[in-house]
Amino acid sequence: MQWESFWNAIGLMIVLEGIMPFLNPRMFRSAMLRMAEMDDRALRLMGFFSMILGALLFHLMWGGFCDR
């Protein structure tokens, strides 16, 4: 793995995470407050499905149909 690709991915992730609080801070704050009230199981499930979706998207884009 090239370090440049890793740091590009980290940078893109930070940019994407900053979009919502920049565009709509009130809604972002409300979402964070609701997440703070969720139980651990619900948060784990959300995180799990986010990881699965991200891994699937990554696989499709870089390991799947793009090489064909």
Protein backbone atom coordinates (compact mmCIF):
# COMPACT_ATOMS: atom_id res chain seq x y z
CA MET A 1 0.00 0.00 0.00
CA GLN A 2 1.30 3.40 -0.88
CA TRP A 3 1.33 5.95 1.94
CA GLU A 4 0.19 8.69 -0.43
CA SER A 5 -3.06 6.81 -1.13
CA PHE A 6 -3.60 6.26 2.58
CA TRP A 7 -3.20 9.96 3.40
CA ASN A 8 -5.42 10.92 0.45
CA ALA A 9 -8.14 8.63 1.81
CA ILE A 10 -7.81 10.11 5.32
CA GLY A 11 -7.99 13.63 3.90
CA LEU A 12 -11.09 12.81 1.86
CA MET A 13 -12.75 11.25 4.90
CA ILE A 14 -12.10 14.41 6.96
CA VAL A 15 -13.52 16.62 4.19
CA LEU A 16 -16.65 14.47 3.88
CA GLU A 17 -17.19 14.45 7.65
CA GLY A 18 -16.96 18.23 7.73
CA ILE A 19 -19.63 18.87 5.10
CA MET A 20 -22.69 18.41 7.32
CA PRO A 21 -21.58 20.60 10.25
CA PHE A 22 -20.47 23.27 7.77
CA LEU A 23 -23.69 23.32 5.75
CA ASN A 24 -26.21 22.82 8.53
CA PRO A 25 -24.74 23.05 12.06
CA ARG A 26 -28.15 23.04 13.76
CA MET A 27 -29.19 19.75 12.16
CA PHE A 28 -25.74 18.28 12.83
CA ARG A 29 -25.95 19.20 16.53
CA SER A 30 -29.43 17.70 16.73
CA ALA A 31 -28.24 14.46 15.12
CA MET A 32 -25.28 14.25 17.53
CA LEU A 33 -27.57 14.77 20.53
CA ARG A 34 -29.88 12.00 19.29
CA MET A 35 -26.89 9.70 18.76
CA ALA A 36 -25.67 10.41 22.30
CA GLU A 37 -29.01 9.14 23.61
CA MET A 38 -28.90 5.89 21.60
CA ASP A 39 -27.93 2.66 23.30
CA ASP A 40 -24.62 0.96 22.56
CA ARG A 41 -26.19 -1.83 20.52
CA ALA A 42 -27.86 0.58 18.09
CA LEU A 43 -24.64 2.56 17.64
CA ARG A 44 -22.67 -0.66 17.04
CA LEU A 45 -25.18 -1.78 14.42
CA MET A 46 -24.97 1.60 12.68
CA GLY A 47 -21.18 1.42 12.70
CA PHE A 48 -21.19 -2.18 11.47
CA PHE A 49 -23.48 -1.47 8.53
CA SER A 50 -21.50 1.67 7.67
CA MET A 51 -18.30 -0.39 7.57
CA ILE A 52 -19.95 -3.07 5.42
CA LEU A 53 -21.32 -0.48 2.99
CA GLY A 54 -17.97 1.30 2.79
CA ALA A 55 -16.05 -1.94 2.24
CA LEU A 56 -18.52 -3.02 -0.45
CA LEU A 57 -18.26 0.33 -2.22
CA PHE A 58 -14.47 0.23 -1.98
CA HIS A 59 -14.40 -3.31 -3.38
CA LEU A 60 -16.73 -2.42 -6.25
CA MET A 61 -14.76 0.69 -7.17
CA TRP A 62 -11.21 -0.61 -6.83
CA GLY A 63 -11.39 -4.37 -6.86
CA GLY A 64 -14.46 -5.00 -8.93
CA PHE A 65 -15.85 -3.56 -12.09
CA CYS A 66 -13.38 -0.67 -12.60
CA ASP A 67 -10.66 -3.04 -13.81
CA ARG A 68 -12.85 -4.47 -16.54
